[in-house]
Amino acid sequence: MGYKTYTSFGLPTFLVIIVALYLLFTDSGEAFDVGRFLEETSPFVWGSLGIGLCIGLSVLGAGWGIFLTGASILGGGVRTPRISTKNLISIIFCEVVAIYGVIMGIVYSSKLQTVPEAQLYTRDNYFTGYALFFGGLTVGFCNLLCGLCVGVAGSTAALADAADPTLFVKVLVVEVFGSVLGLFGLIIGLLMIGNAKEFLPGSPAVSAIRI
């Protein structure tokens, strides 16, 4: 346990401190400039990362939930075959989480338009890129946690149904409320890009103002 904790937290922290001290004592501190990094990174990169994280994390959450639920359904179905059919609704709830991510990815991708690089770096395009990135990140993490929630609830529902058929509907209500969390993430993602415009070319004079 101690070795894993050191590897997960201690080693990365140690490496960051070493790099920071190296930059400090070699008079290269200006190389670690977050503002410059944010301004020189293409808005297309931020937008594409947001779309990828939105779909990827959503599919990861759905797959994780199906893994948890499916294992319990198959295991409990060996002793109680009647639970195998009606508990498939838990698999559907998990799959809906991935569909949320795909829908938002399609909506976000409509903001990406081809713009010449010399006319790309404008205030509106920066805003759109950041909005797509953080919106996709928010939707992806919401769907990831939603998939885990539905998977654990669905696994419990299958085992409870195998033990007592009257408990299935009661546990299913909890699973339904868990699946709604992904819908909340979808709504937040839509709100975050509500004022974001499509990528549009700006005047060369405005686009040239970069650090």
N, C-alpha and C. Protein backbone atom coordinates (compact mmCIF):
# COMPACT_ATOMS: atom_id res chain seq x y z
N MET A 1 0.83 -1.21 0.00
CA MET A 1 0.00 0.00 0.00
C MET A 1 0.86 1.25 0.00
N GLY A 2 1.94 1.25 0.85
CA GLY A 2 2.80 2.40 0.91
C GLY A 2 3.55 2.63 -0.38
N TYR A 3 3.98 1.54 -1.05
CA TYR A 3 4.69 1.67 -2.32
C TYR A 3 3.78 2.26 -3.40
N LYS A 4 2.54 1.78 -3.44
CA LYS A 4 1.60 2.30 -4.43
C LYS A 4 1.30 3.77 -4.18
N THR A 5 1.16 4.16 -2.91
CA THR A 5 0.90 5.56 -2.60
C THR A 5 2.07 6.44 -3.02
N TYR A 6 3.29 5.97 -2.77
CA TYR A 6 4.47 6.74 -3.17
C TYR A 6 4.54 6.86 -4.69
N THR A 7 4.28 5.77 -5.39
CA THR A 7 4.35 5.79 -6.85
C THR A 7 3.29 6.71 -7.44
N SER A 8 2.11 6.75 -6.83
CA SER A 8 1.00 7.52 -7.38
C SER A 8 1.12 9.01 -7.07
N PHE A 9 1.62 9.35 -5.88
CA PHE A 9 1.62 10.75 -5.45
C PHE A 9 3.04 11.29 -5.22
N GLY A 10 3.86 10.52 -4.54
CA GLY A 10 5.17 11.03 -4.17
C GLY A 10 6.10 11.21 -5.34
N LEU A 11 6.19 10.23 -6.25
CA LEU A 11 7.11 10.31 -7.38
C LEU A 11 6.77 11.45 -8.33
N PRO A 12 5.50 11.61 -8.77
CA PRO A 12 5.19 12.77 -9.63
C PRO A 12 5.49 14.11 -8.96
N THR A 13 5.18 14.24 -7.67
CA THR A 13 5.47 15.48 -6.96
C THR A 13 6.97 15.75 -6.92
N PHE A 14 7.75 14.71 -6.68
CA PHE A 14 9.21 14.85 -6.65
C PHE A 14 9.75 15.30 -8.00
N LEU A 15 9.22 14.73 -9.09
CA LEU A 15 9.69 15.11 -10.42
C LEU A 15 9.32 16.55 -10.75
N VAL A 16 8.12 16.97 -10.36
CA VAL A 16 7.72 18.36 -10.61
C VAL A 16 8.62 19.33 -9.86
N ILE A 17 8.96 19.01 -8.61
CA ILE A 17 9.84 19.87 -7.82
C ILE A 17 11.22 19.95 -8.45
N ILE A 18 11.76 18.83 -8.93
CA ILE A 18 13.07 18.82 -9.57
C ILE A 18 13.07 19.69 -10.82
N VAL A 19 12.04 19.56 -11.66
CA VAL A 19 11.96 20.37 -12.88
C VAL A 19 11.84 21.85 -12.53
N ALA A 20 11.01 22.17 -11.53
CA ALA A 20 10.83 23.57 -11.14
C ALA A 20 12.13 24.17 -10.62
N LEU A 21 12.88 23.42 -9.80
CA LEU A 21 14.16 23.92 -9.28
C LEU A 21 15.18 24.08 -10.41
N TYR A 22 15.17 23.18 -11.36
CA TYR A 22 16.08 23.29 -12.50
C TYR A 22 15.81 24.57 -13.29
N LEU A 23 14.53 24.83 -13.57
CA LEU A 23 14.18 26.05 -14.30
C LEU A 23 14.53 27.30 -13.50
N LEU A 24 14.38 27.22 -12.18
CA LEU A 24 14.65 28.37 -11.33
C LEU A 24 16.15 28.71 -11.31
N PHE A 25 17.00 27.71 -11.12
CA PHE A 25 18.43 27.95 -10.95
C PHE A 25 19.18 28.09 -12.27
N THR A 26 18.52 27.83 -13.38
CA THR A 26 19.15 28.04 -14.69
C THR A 26 18.59 29.27 -15.39
N ASP A 27 17.88 30.13 -14.62
CA ASP A 27 17.30 31.37 -15.17
C ASP A 27 16.39 31.10 -16.36
N SER A 28 15.67 29.98 -16.29
CA SER A 28 14.73 29.63 -17.36
C SER A 28 13.30 29.58 -16.84
N GLY A 29 13.05 30.35 -15.77
CA GLY A 29 11.73 30.32 -15.17
C GLY A 29 10.62 30.77 -16.10
N GLU A 30 10.98 31.65 -17.07
CA GLU A 30 9.94 32.12 -18.00
C GLU A 30 9.45 31.01 -18.91
N ALA A 31 10.20 29.89 -18.98
CA ALA A 31 9.74 28.78 -19.81
C ALA A 31 8.48 28.14 -19.23
N PHE A 32 8.30 28.27 -17.90
CA PHE A 32 7.10 27.72 -17.25
C PHE A 32 6.08 28.85 -17.13
N ASP A 33 5.41 29.13 -18.23
CA ASP A 33 4.47 30.25 -18.31
C ASP A 33 3.12 29.69 -18.73
N VAL A 34 2.22 29.59 -17.76
CA VAL A 34 0.90 29.01 -18.05
C VAL A 34 0.13 29.88 -19.02
N GLY A 35 0.19 31.20 -18.82
CA GLY A 35 -0.53 32.10 -19.71
C GLY A 35 -0.07 31.98 -21.15
N ARG A 36 1.24 31.89 -21.34
CA ARG A 36 1.76 31.73 -22.69
C ARG A 36 1.32 30.42 -23.31
N PHE A 37 1.33 29.37 -22.49
CA PHE A 37 0.88 28.06 -22.99
C PHE A 37 -0.58 28.12 -23.44
N LEU A 38 -1.43 28.77 -22.63
CA LEU A 38 -2.85 28.85 -22.98
C LEU A 38 -3.08 29.66 -24.25
N GLU A 39 -2.29 30.71 -24.45
CA GLU A 39 -2.49 31.56 -25.61
C GLU A 39 -1.89 30.98 -26.88
N GLU A 40 -0.79 30.24 -26.75
CA GLU A 40 -0.14 29.71 -27.95
C GLU A 40 -0.70 28.36 -28.39
N THR A 41 -1.48 27.72 -27.53
CA THR A 41 -2.12 26.45 -27.91
C THR A 41 -3.33 26.74 -28.78
N SER A 42 -3.42 26.05 -29.88
CA SER A 42 -4.49 26.30 -30.84
C SER A 42 -5.86 26.02 -30.23
N PRO A 43 -6.84 26.90 -30.48
CA PRO A 43 -8.21 26.61 -30.01
C PRO A 43 -8.75 25.29 -30.55
N PHE A 44 -8.25 24.86 -31.73
CA PHE A 44 -8.67 23.56 -32.26
C PHE A 44 -8.24 22.44 -31.32
N VAL A 45 -7.07 22.59 -30.70
CA VAL A 45 -6.59 21.57 -29.76
C VAL A 45 -7.53 21.46 -28.57
N TRP A 46 -7.89 22.62 -27.99
CA TRP A 46 -8.80 22.60 -26.84
C TRP A 46 -10.15 22.01 -27.21
N GLY A 47 -10.68 22.42 -28.36
CA GLY A 47 -11.97 21.90 -28.78
C GLY A 47 -11.94 20.41 -29.06
N SER A 48 -10.89 19.94 -29.73
CA SER A 48 -10.79 18.51 -30.04
C SER A 48 -10.59 17.68 -28.77
N LEU A 49 -9.78 18.20 -27.83
CA LEU A 49 -9.60 17.49 -26.56
C LEU A 49 -10.92 17.39 -25.81
N GLY A 50 -11.71 18.47 -25.82
CA GLY A 50 -13.00 18.44 -25.13
C GLY A 50 -13.93 17.39 -25.72
N ILE A 51 -13.97 17.32 -27.05
CA ILE A 51 -14.84 16.34 -27.71
C ILE A 51 -14.36 14.92 -27.40
N GLY A 52 -13.04 14.71 -27.47
CA GLY A 52 -12.50 13.39 -27.18
C GLY A 52 -12.75 12.95 -25.75
N LEU A 53 -12.54 13.87 -24.78
CA LEU A 53 -12.79 13.53 -23.38
C LEU A 53 -14.27 13.28 -23.13
N CYS A 54 -15.12 14.05 -23.78
CA CYS A 54 -16.57 13.88 -23.60
C CYS A 54 -17.00 12.48 -24.00
N ILE A 55 -16.60 12.05 -25.19
CA ILE A 55 -17.00 10.73 -25.67
C ILE A 55 -16.24 9.63 -24.95
N GLY A 56 -14.93 9.82 -24.78
CA GLY A 56 -14.11 8.77 -24.18
C GLY A 56 -14.49 8.46 -22.75
N LEU A 57 -14.64 9.49 -21.91
CA LEU A 57 -15.00 9.25 -20.52
C LEU A 57 -16.42 8.71 -20.39
N SER A 58 -17.31 9.12 -21.28
CA SER A 58 -18.68 8.61 -21.25
C SER A 58 -18.71 7.12 -21.59
N VAL A 59 -17.97 6.74 -22.62
CA VAL A 59 -17.91 5.32 -22.99
C VAL A 59 -17.22 4.50 -21.89
N LEU A 60 -16.19 5.10 -21.26
CA LEU A 60 -15.52 4.41 -20.16
C LEU A 60 -16.49 4.16 -19.00
N GLY A 61 -17.28 5.17 -18.66
CA GLY A 61 -18.27 5.00 -17.60
C GLY A 61 -19.31 3.96 -17.94
N ALA A 62 -19.77 3.97 -19.21
CA ALA A 62 -20.77 2.98 -19.62
C ALA A 62 -20.18 1.57 -19.58
N GLY A 63 -18.96 1.42 -20.09
CA GLY A 63 -18.33 0.10 -20.07
C GLY A 63 -18.08 -0.41 -18.66
N TRP A 64 -17.66 0.48 -17.78
CA TRP A 64 -17.42 0.09 -16.39
C TRP A 64 -18.72 -0.34 -15.72
N GLY A 65 -19.80 0.42 -15.99
CA GLY A 65 -21.09 0.07 -15.41
C GLY A 65 -21.61 -1.27 -15.93
N ILE A 66 -21.45 -1.51 -17.24
CA ILE A 66 -21.88 -2.79 -17.81
C ILE A 66 -21.06 -3.94 -17.25
N PHE A 67 -19.77 -3.68 -17.03
CA PHE A 67 -18.91 -4.71 -16.44
C PHE A 67 -19.41 -5.11 -15.04
N LEU A 68 -19.73 -4.10 -14.23
CA LEU A 68 -20.20 -4.39 -12.87
C LEU A 68 -21.56 -5.08 -12.88
N THR A 69 -22.47 -4.53 -13.69
CA THR A 69 -23.83 -5.09 -13.72
C THR A 69 -23.86 -6.47 -14.38
N GLY A 70 -23.16 -6.58 -15.51
CA GLY A 70 -23.19 -7.85 -16.24
C GLY A 70 -22.62 -9.00 -15.44
N ALA A 71 -21.55 -8.73 -14.68
CA ALA A 71 -20.97 -9.80 -13.87
C ALA A 71 -21.96 -10.32 -12.84
N SER A 72 -22.71 -9.40 -12.21
CA SER A 72 -23.69 -9.83 -11.20
C SER A 72 -24.87 -10.56 -11.84
N ILE A 73 -25.30 -10.08 -13.01
CA ILE A 73 -26.43 -10.73 -13.67
C ILE A 73 -26.05 -12.15 -14.09
N LEU A 74 -24.87 -12.29 -14.68
CA LEU A 74 -24.45 -13.63 -15.11
C LEU A 74 -24.21 -14.55 -13.92
N GLY A 75 -23.59 -13.99 -12.86
CA GLY A 75 -23.33 -14.82 -11.69
C GLY A 75 -24.60 -15.23 -10.98
N GLY A 76 -25.52 -14.26 -10.79
CA GLY A 76 -26.78 -14.60 -10.12
C GLY A 76 -27.69 -15.44 -10.98
N GLY A 77 -27.56 -15.29 -12.33
CA GLY A 77 -28.41 -16.06 -13.23
C GLY A 77 -28.09 -17.53 -13.23
N VAL A 78 -26.92 -17.91 -12.77
CA VAL A 78 -26.59 -19.33 -12.70
C VAL A 78 -27.48 -20.05 -11.69
N ARG A 79 -27.71 -19.39 -10.56
CA ARG A 79 -28.56 -19.99 -9.52
C ARG A 79 -30.02 -19.63 -9.69
N THR A 80 -30.28 -18.41 -10.25
CA THR A 80 -31.66 -17.95 -10.41
C THR A 80 -31.84 -17.44 -11.84
N PRO A 81 -32.13 -18.31 -12.79
CA PRO A 81 -32.20 -17.89 -14.21
C PRO A 81 -33.24 -16.83 -14.51
N ARG A 82 -34.26 -16.68 -13.68
CA ARG A 82 -35.33 -15.74 -13.98
C ARG A 82 -34.86 -14.28 -13.97
N ILE A 83 -33.73 -13.98 -13.31
CA ILE A 83 -33.29 -12.58 -13.21
C ILE A 83 -32.57 -12.12 -14.47
N SER A 84 -32.22 -13.03 -15.36
CA SER A 84 -31.37 -12.66 -16.49
C SER A 84 -32.06 -11.74 -17.47
N THR A 85 -33.37 -11.87 -17.62
CA THR A 85 -34.09 -11.09 -18.63
C THR A 85 -34.45 -9.70 -18.14
N LYS A 86 -35.14 -9.61 -17.02
CA LYS A 86 -35.61 -8.29 -16.59
C LYS A 86 -34.50 -7.40 -16.07
N ASN A 87 -33.39 -7.96 -15.66
CA ASN A 87 -32.28 -7.13 -15.20
C ASN A 87 -31.44 -6.57 -16.35
N LEU A 88 -31.78 -6.93 -17.57
CA LEU A 88 -31.10 -6.33 -18.71
C LEU A 88 -31.39 -4.84 -18.82
N ILE A 89 -32.43 -4.37 -18.13
CA ILE A 89 -32.72 -2.93 -18.14
C ILE A 89 -31.56 -2.15 -17.51
N SER A 90 -30.84 -2.78 -16.60
CA SER A 90 -29.67 -2.12 -16.02
C SER A 90 -28.57 -1.91 -17.07
N ILE A 91 -28.42 -2.87 -17.97
CA ILE A 91 -27.45 -2.74 -19.06
C ILE A 91 -27.86 -1.59 -19.97
N ILE A 92 -29.16 -1.43 -20.21
CA ILE A 92 -29.65 -0.35 -21.07
C ILE A 92 -29.35 1.00 -20.41
N PHE A 93 -29.57 1.11 -19.12
CA PHE A 93 -29.27 2.35 -18.41
C PHE A 93 -27.79 2.71 -18.54
N CYS A 94 -26.92 1.73 -18.45
CA CYS A 94 -25.49 1.99 -18.61
C CYS A 94 -25.17 2.44 -20.03
N GLU A 95 -25.80 1.82 -21.01
CA GLU A 95 -25.53 2.17 -22.40
C GLU A 95 -26.00 3.58 -22.72
N VAL A 96 -27.06 4.02 -22.06
CA VAL A 96 -27.56 5.39 -22.28
C VAL A 96 -26.50 6.41 -21.91
N VAL A 97 -25.67 6.10 -20.92
CA VAL A 97 -24.61 7.03 -20.51
C VAL A 97 -23.65 7.28 -21.68
N ALA A 98 -23.29 6.24 -22.41
CA ALA A 98 -22.42 6.41 -23.58
C ALA A 98 -23.13 7.21 -24.66
N ILE A 99 -24.44 7.01 -24.81
CA ILE A 99 -25.19 7.75 -25.82
C ILE A 99 -25.19 9.24 -25.49
N TYR A 100 -25.29 9.59 -24.20
CA TYR A 100 -25.20 10.99 -23.80
C TYR A 100 -23.89 11.61 -24.30
N GLY A 101 -22.79 10.91 -24.11
CA GLY A 101 -21.50 11.43 -24.54
C GLY A 101 -21.41 11.57 -26.05
N VAL A 102 -21.93 10.61 -26.79
CA VAL A 102 -21.90 10.68 -28.25
C VAL A 102 -22.74 11.86 -28.74
N ILE A 103 -23.91 12.06 -28.13
CA ILE A 103 -24.76 13.18 -28.54
C ILE A 103 -24.04 14.51 -28.32
N MET A 104 -23.43 14.67 -27.14
CA MET A 104 -22.73 15.92 -26.86
C MET A 104 -21.52 16.08 -27.76
N GLY A 105 -20.84 14.98 -28.09
CA GLY A 105 -19.72 15.07 -29.01
C GLY A 105 -20.15 15.57 -30.38
N ILE A 106 -21.31 15.11 -30.85
CA ILE A 106 -21.83 15.58 -32.15
C ILE A 106 -22.19 17.06 -32.07
N VAL A 107 -22.81 17.46 -30.96
CA VAL A 107 -23.17 18.88 -30.80
C VAL A 107 -21.91 19.75 -30.76
N TYR A 108 -20.90 19.30 -30.02
CA TYR A 108 -19.67 20.08 -29.91
C TYR A 108 -18.93 20.15 -31.25
N SER A 109 -18.92 19.05 -31.99
CA SER A 109 -18.17 19.03 -33.25
C SER A 109 -18.74 20.00 -34.28
N SER A 110 -20.00 20.41 -34.11
CA SER A 110 -20.58 21.38 -35.04
C SER A 110 -19.94 22.75 -34.89
N LYS A 111 -19.25 22.99 -33.77
CA LYS A 111 -18.57 24.28 -33.56
C LYS A 111 -17.23 24.35 -34.29
N LEU A 112 -16.69 23.20 -34.68
CA LEU A 112 -15.39 23.18 -35.34
C LEU A 112 -15.53 23.47 -36.82
N GLN A 113 -14.95 24.56 -37.26
CA GLN A 113 -14.95 24.93 -38.66
C GLN A 113 -13.52 25.23 -39.10
N THR A 114 -13.22 24.97 -40.36
CA THR A 114 -11.87 25.20 -40.86
C THR A 114 -11.58 26.70 -40.94
N VAL A 115 -10.50 27.10 -40.28
CA VAL A 115 -10.09 28.51 -40.26
C VAL A 115 -8.59 28.57 -40.52
N PRO A 116 -8.13 29.45 -41.40
CA PRO A 116 -6.67 29.59 -41.61
C PRO A 116 -5.97 29.94 -40.30
N GLU A 117 -4.77 29.40 -40.11
CA GLU A 117 -4.07 29.58 -38.85
C GLU A 117 -3.79 31.06 -38.56
N ALA A 118 -3.52 31.84 -39.59
CA ALA A 118 -3.21 33.25 -39.38
C ALA A 118 -4.41 34.03 -38.86
N GLN A 119 -5.62 33.49 -39.05
CA GLN A 119 -6.84 34.18 -38.62
C GLN A 119 -7.57 33.42 -37.52
N LEU A 120 -6.89 32.47 -36.89
CA LEU A 120 -7.55 31.61 -35.91
C LEU A 120 -7.54 32.19 -34.50
N TYR A 121 -6.48 32.89 -34.13
CA TYR A 121 -6.27 33.27 -32.73
C TYR A 121 -7.00 34.56 -32.41
N THR A 122 -8.31 34.45 -32.24
CA THR A 122 -9.14 35.60 -31.85
C THR A 122 -9.80 35.30 -30.51
N ARG A 123 -10.34 36.34 -29.91
CA ARG A 123 -10.96 36.18 -28.59
C ARG A 123 -12.13 35.21 -28.65
N ASP A 124 -12.97 35.32 -29.67
CA ASP A 124 -14.13 34.44 -29.77
C ASP A 124 -13.71 32.98 -29.98
N ASN A 125 -12.67 32.76 -30.78
CA ASN A 125 -12.22 31.39 -31.01
C ASN A 125 -11.57 30.80 -29.77
N TYR A 126 -10.84 31.62 -29.01
CA TYR A 126 -10.30 31.14 -27.73
C TYR A 126 -11.44 30.74 -26.81
N PHE A 127 -12.46 31.58 -26.73
CA PHE A 127 -13.59 31.28 -25.85
C PHE A 127 -14.26 29.99 -26.27
N THR A 128 -14.46 29.80 -27.57
CA THR A 128 -15.10 28.58 -28.05
C THR A 128 -14.25 27.36 -27.73
N GLY A 129 -12.94 27.46 -27.94
CA GLY A 129 -12.06 26.33 -27.65
C GLY A 129 -12.07 25.95 -26.18
N TYR A 130 -11.98 26.95 -25.30
CA TYR A 130 -12.00 26.67 -23.86
C TYR A 130 -13.36 26.13 -23.42
N ALA A 131 -14.44 26.69 -24.00
CA ALA A 131 -15.78 26.22 -23.64
C ALA A 131 -15.98 24.77 -24.05
N LEU A 132 -15.48 24.39 -25.24
CA LEU A 132 -15.60 23.00 -25.68
C LEU A 132 -14.77 22.07 -24.80
N PHE A 133 -13.59 22.53 -24.40
CA PHE A 133 -12.72 21.68 -23.58
C PHE A 133 -13.34 21.44 -22.20
N PHE A 134 -13.68 22.50 -21.50
CA PHE A 134 -14.19 22.33 -20.15
C PHE A 134 -15.62 21.77 -20.15
N GLY A 135 -16.39 22.08 -21.19
CA GLY A 135 -17.70 21.46 -21.30
C GLY A 135 -17.60 19.96 -21.53
N GLY A 136 -16.70 19.55 -22.43
CA GLY A 136 -16.51 18.13 -22.66
C GLY A 136 -15.96 17.42 -21.44
N LEU A 137 -15.05 18.10 -20.71
CA LEU A 137 -14.50 17.51 -19.49
C LEU A 137 -15.59 17.31 -18.44
N THR A 138 -16.46 18.30 -18.31
CA THR A 138 -17.56 18.21 -17.33
C THR A 138 -18.53 17.09 -17.69
N VAL A 139 -18.94 17.04 -18.96
CA VAL A 139 -19.86 16.00 -19.39
C VAL A 139 -19.23 14.62 -19.24
N GLY A 140 -17.95 14.51 -19.62
CA GLY A 140 -17.29 13.22 -19.53
C GLY A 140 -17.20 12.69 -18.10
N PHE A 141 -16.81 13.55 -17.16
CA PHE A 141 -16.69 13.10 -15.77
C PHE A 141 -18.07 12.82 -15.17
N CYS A 142 -19.07 13.63 -15.52
CA CYS A 142 -20.43 13.35 -15.03
C CYS A 142 -20.90 11.98 -15.51
N ASN A 143 -20.67 11.69 -16.78
CA ASN A 143 -21.10 10.40 -17.32
C ASN A 143 -20.26 9.25 -16.78
N LEU A 144 -18.98 9.51 -16.50
CA LEU A 144 -18.15 8.47 -15.90
C LEU A 144 -18.69 8.06 -14.53
N LEU A 145 -18.97 9.05 -13.70
CA LEU A 145 -19.49 8.75 -12.37
C LEU A 145 -20.91 8.21 -12.44
N CYS A 146 -21.68 8.69 -13.42
CA CYS A 146 -23.04 8.17 -13.60
C CYS A 146 -22.99 6.69 -13.98
N GLY A 147 -22.07 6.32 -14.88
CA GLY A 147 -21.95 4.93 -15.27
C GLY A 147 -21.57 4.03 -14.10
N LEU A 148 -20.65 4.52 -13.25
CA LEU A 148 -20.29 3.75 -12.06
C LEU A 148 -21.48 3.62 -11.11
N CYS A 149 -22.22 4.71 -10.94
CA CYS A 149 -23.38 4.68 -10.05
C CYS A 149 -24.42 3.68 -10.54
N VAL A 150 -24.73 3.75 -11.83
CA VAL A 150 -25.73 2.83 -12.40
C VAL A 150 -25.22 1.39 -12.35
N GLY A 151 -23.93 1.21 -12.59
CA GLY A 151 -23.38 -0.15 -12.56
C GLY A 151 -23.48 -0.78 -11.18
N VAL A 152 -23.10 -0.02 -10.15
CA VAL A 152 -23.18 -0.56 -8.78
C VAL A 152 -24.63 -0.79 -8.39
N ALA A 153 -25.52 0.18 -8.71
CA ALA A 153 -26.94 0.01 -8.39
C ALA A 153 -27.54 -1.18 -9.15
N GLY A 154 -27.17 -1.32 -10.43
CA GLY A 154 -27.69 -2.44 -11.21
C GLY A 154 -27.18 -3.78 -10.70
N SER A 155 -25.93 -3.82 -10.27
CA SER A 155 -25.39 -5.05 -9.69
C SER A 155 -26.14 -5.42 -8.42
N THR A 156 -26.40 -4.42 -7.59
CA THR A 156 -27.15 -4.67 -6.36
C THR A 156 -28.57 -5.11 -6.67
N ALA A 157 -29.18 -4.49 -7.68
CA ALA A 157 -30.55 -4.86 -8.06
C ALA A 157 -30.62 -6.32 -8.50
N ALA A 158 -29.63 -6.78 -9.25
CA ALA A 158 -29.64 -8.16 -9.72
C ALA A 158 -29.51 -9.15 -8.55
N LEU A 159 -28.60 -8.84 -7.62
CA LEU A 159 -28.42 -9.74 -6.48
C LEU A 159 -29.63 -9.71 -5.55
N ALA A 160 -30.21 -8.50 -5.37
CA ALA A 160 -31.40 -8.40 -4.53
C ALA A 160 -32.58 -9.14 -5.15
N ASP A 161 -32.71 -9.05 -6.47
CA ASP A 161 -33.80 -9.75 -7.17
C ASP A 161 -33.62 -11.26 -7.06
N ALA A 162 -32.37 -11.71 -7.11
CA ALA A 162 -32.13 -13.14 -6.98
C ALA A 162 -32.52 -13.66 -5.60
N ALA A 163 -32.33 -12.82 -4.57
CA ALA A 163 -32.66 -13.23 -3.21
C ALA A 163 -34.14 -13.06 -2.89
N ASP A 164 -34.71 -11.93 -3.37
CA ASP A 164 -36.12 -11.63 -3.07
C ASP A 164 -36.71 -10.86 -4.24
N PRO A 165 -37.62 -11.45 -5.02
CA PRO A 165 -38.17 -10.77 -6.20
C PRO A 165 -38.90 -9.47 -5.89
N THR A 166 -39.38 -9.30 -4.67
CA THR A 166 -40.12 -8.07 -4.34
C THR A 166 -39.20 -6.87 -4.20
N LEU A 167 -37.90 -7.06 -4.11
CA LEU A 167 -36.96 -5.95 -3.93
C LEU A 167 -36.53 -5.33 -5.25
N PHE A 168 -36.83 -5.96 -6.38
CA PHE A 168 -36.32 -5.48 -7.67
C PHE A 168 -36.81 -4.07 -7.98
N VAL A 169 -38.09 -3.83 -7.86
CA VAL A 169 -38.66 -2.52 -8.21
C VAL A 169 -38.12 -1.44 -7.28
N LYS A 170 -37.95 -1.76 -6.03
CA LYS A 170 -37.47 -0.77 -5.07
C LYS A 170 -36.03 -0.35 -5.38
N VAL A 171 -35.20 -1.32 -5.69
CA VAL A 171 -33.82 -0.99 -6.02
C VAL A 171 -33.74 -0.33 -7.39
N LEU A 172 -34.65 -0.68 -8.28
CA LEU A 172 -34.66 -0.09 -9.62
C LEU A 172 -34.92 1.42 -9.55
N VAL A 173 -35.72 1.86 -8.59
CA VAL A 173 -35.97 3.30 -8.43
C VAL A 173 -34.67 4.04 -8.14
N VAL A 174 -33.83 3.46 -7.29
CA VAL A 174 -32.52 4.06 -7.01
C VAL A 174 -31.68 4.13 -8.27
N GLU A 175 -31.73 3.10 -9.08
CA GLU A 175 -30.96 3.06 -10.31
C GLU A 175 -31.43 4.12 -11.30
N VAL A 176 -32.73 4.34 -11.36
CA VAL A 176 -33.28 5.36 -12.26
C VAL A 176 -32.77 6.74 -11.86
N PHE A 177 -32.81 7.04 -10.57
CA PHE A 177 -32.32 8.35 -10.11
C PHE A 177 -30.82 8.48 -10.36
N GLY A 178 -30.08 7.39 -10.27
CA GLY A 178 -28.66 7.45 -10.58
C GLY A 178 -28.39 7.74 -12.04
N SER A 179 -29.21 7.19 -12.92
CA SER A 179 -29.01 7.43 -14.35
C SER A 179 -29.35 8.86 -14.75
N VAL A 180 -30.17 9.54 -13.97
CA VAL A 180 -30.53 10.93 -14.27
C VAL A 180 -29.32 11.85 -14.10
N LEU A 181 -28.33 11.44 -13.30
CA LEU A 181 -27.15 12.28 -13.09
C LEU A 181 -26.43 12.57 -14.40
N GLY A 182 -26.40 11.60 -15.30
CA GLY A 182 -25.80 11.82 -16.61
C GLY A 182 -26.54 12.87 -17.41
N LEU A 183 -27.86 12.91 -17.26
CA LEU A 183 -28.65 13.92 -17.94
C LEU A 183 -28.33 15.31 -17.41
N PHE A 184 -28.09 15.42 -16.12
CA PHE A 184 -27.67 16.71 -15.55
C PHE A 184 -26.35 17.17 -16.18
N GLY A 185 -25.41 16.25 -16.33
CA GLY A 185 -24.15 16.60 -16.97
C GLY A 185 -24.35 17.07 -18.40
N LEU A 186 -25.26 16.42 -19.13
CA LEU A 186 -25.56 16.83 -20.50
C LEU A 186 -26.11 18.25 -20.53
N ILE A 187 -27.00 18.58 -19.61
CA ILE A 187 -27.58 19.92 -19.56
C ILE A 187 -26.51 20.96 -19.24
N ILE A 188 -25.62 20.64 -18.29
CA ILE A 188 -24.54 21.57 -17.95
C ILE A 188 -23.63 21.78 -19.15
N GLY A 189 -23.34 20.72 -19.89
CA GLY A 189 -22.51 20.86 -21.08
C GLY A 189 -23.13 21.76 -22.12
N LEU A 190 -24.44 21.68 -22.29
CA LEU A 190 -25.13 22.57 -23.23
C LEU A 190 -25.08 24.02 -22.75
N LEU A 191 -25.23 24.22 -21.45
CA LEU A 191 -25.17 25.59 -20.93
C LEU A 191 -23.79 26.20 -21.10
N MET A 192 -22.75 25.39 -20.97
CA MET A 192 -21.39 25.92 -21.05
C MET A 192 -21.03 26.39 -22.45
N ILE A 193 -21.65 25.83 -23.47
CA ILE A 193 -21.34 26.27 -24.85
C ILE A 193 -22.48 27.10 -25.42
N GLY A 194 -23.40 27.54 -24.55
CA GLY A 194 -24.55 28.29 -25.05
C GLY A 194 -24.16 29.58 -25.76
N ASN A 195 -23.12 30.26 -25.27
CA ASN A 195 -22.69 31.52 -25.87
C ASN A 195 -21.47 31.37 -26.76
N ALA A 196 -21.03 30.14 -26.98
CA ALA A 196 -19.85 29.91 -27.82
C ALA A 196 -20.26 29.90 -29.29
N LYS A 197 -19.51 30.64 -30.10
CA LYS A 197 -19.77 30.69 -31.53
C LYS A 197 -18.94 29.64 -32.25
N GLU A 198 -19.24 29.43 -33.51
CA GLU A 198 -18.41 28.57 -34.33
C GLU A 198 -17.06 29.25 -34.56
N PHE A 199 -16.05 28.44 -34.88
CA PHE A 199 -14.75 29.02 -35.20
C PHE A 199 -14.88 29.87 -36.47
N LEU A 200 -14.53 31.14 -36.36
CA LEU A 200 -14.64 32.07 -37.47
C LEU A 200 -13.30 32.76 -37.68
N PRO A 201 -12.93 33.06 -38.94
CA PRO A 201 -11.67 33.77 -39.18
C PRO A 201 -11.76 35.21 -38.70
N GLY A 202 -10.71 35.69 -38.05
CA GLY A 202 -10.64 37.07 -37.60
C GLY A 202 -9.74 37.88 -38.51
N SER A 203 -9.69 39.16 -38.31
CA SER A 203 -8.83 40.02 -39.12
C SER A 203 -7.37 39.71 -38.80
N PRO A 204 -6.49 39.76 -39.76
CA PRO A 204 -5.07 39.45 -39.51
C PRO A 204 -4.46 40.31 -38.40
N ALA A 205 -4.90 41.57 -38.29
CA ALA A 205 -4.32 42.45 -37.28
C ALA A 205 -4.67 41.98 -35.88
N VAL A 206 -5.94 41.52 -35.70
CA VAL A 206 -6.37 41.05 -34.39
C VAL A 206 -5.73 39.71 -34.08
N SER A 207 -5.64 38.84 -35.08
CA SER A 207 -5.09 37.51 -34.85
C SER A 207 -3.59 37.55 -34.57
N ALA A 208 -2.93 38.58 -35.03
CA ALA A 208 -1.48 38.67 -34.85
C ALA A 208 -1.10 39.07 -33.45
N ILE A 209 -2.05 39.55 -32.63
CA ILE A 209 -1.74 39.99 -31.27
C ILE A 209 -1.67 38.76 -30.37
N ARG A 210 -0.49 38.16 -30.31
CA ARG A 210 -0.27 36.98 -29.51
C ARG A 210 1.07 37.12 -28.81
N ILE A 211 1.16 36.51 -27.64
CA ILE A 211 2.43 36.55 -26.92
C ILE A 211 3.36 35.50 -27.51
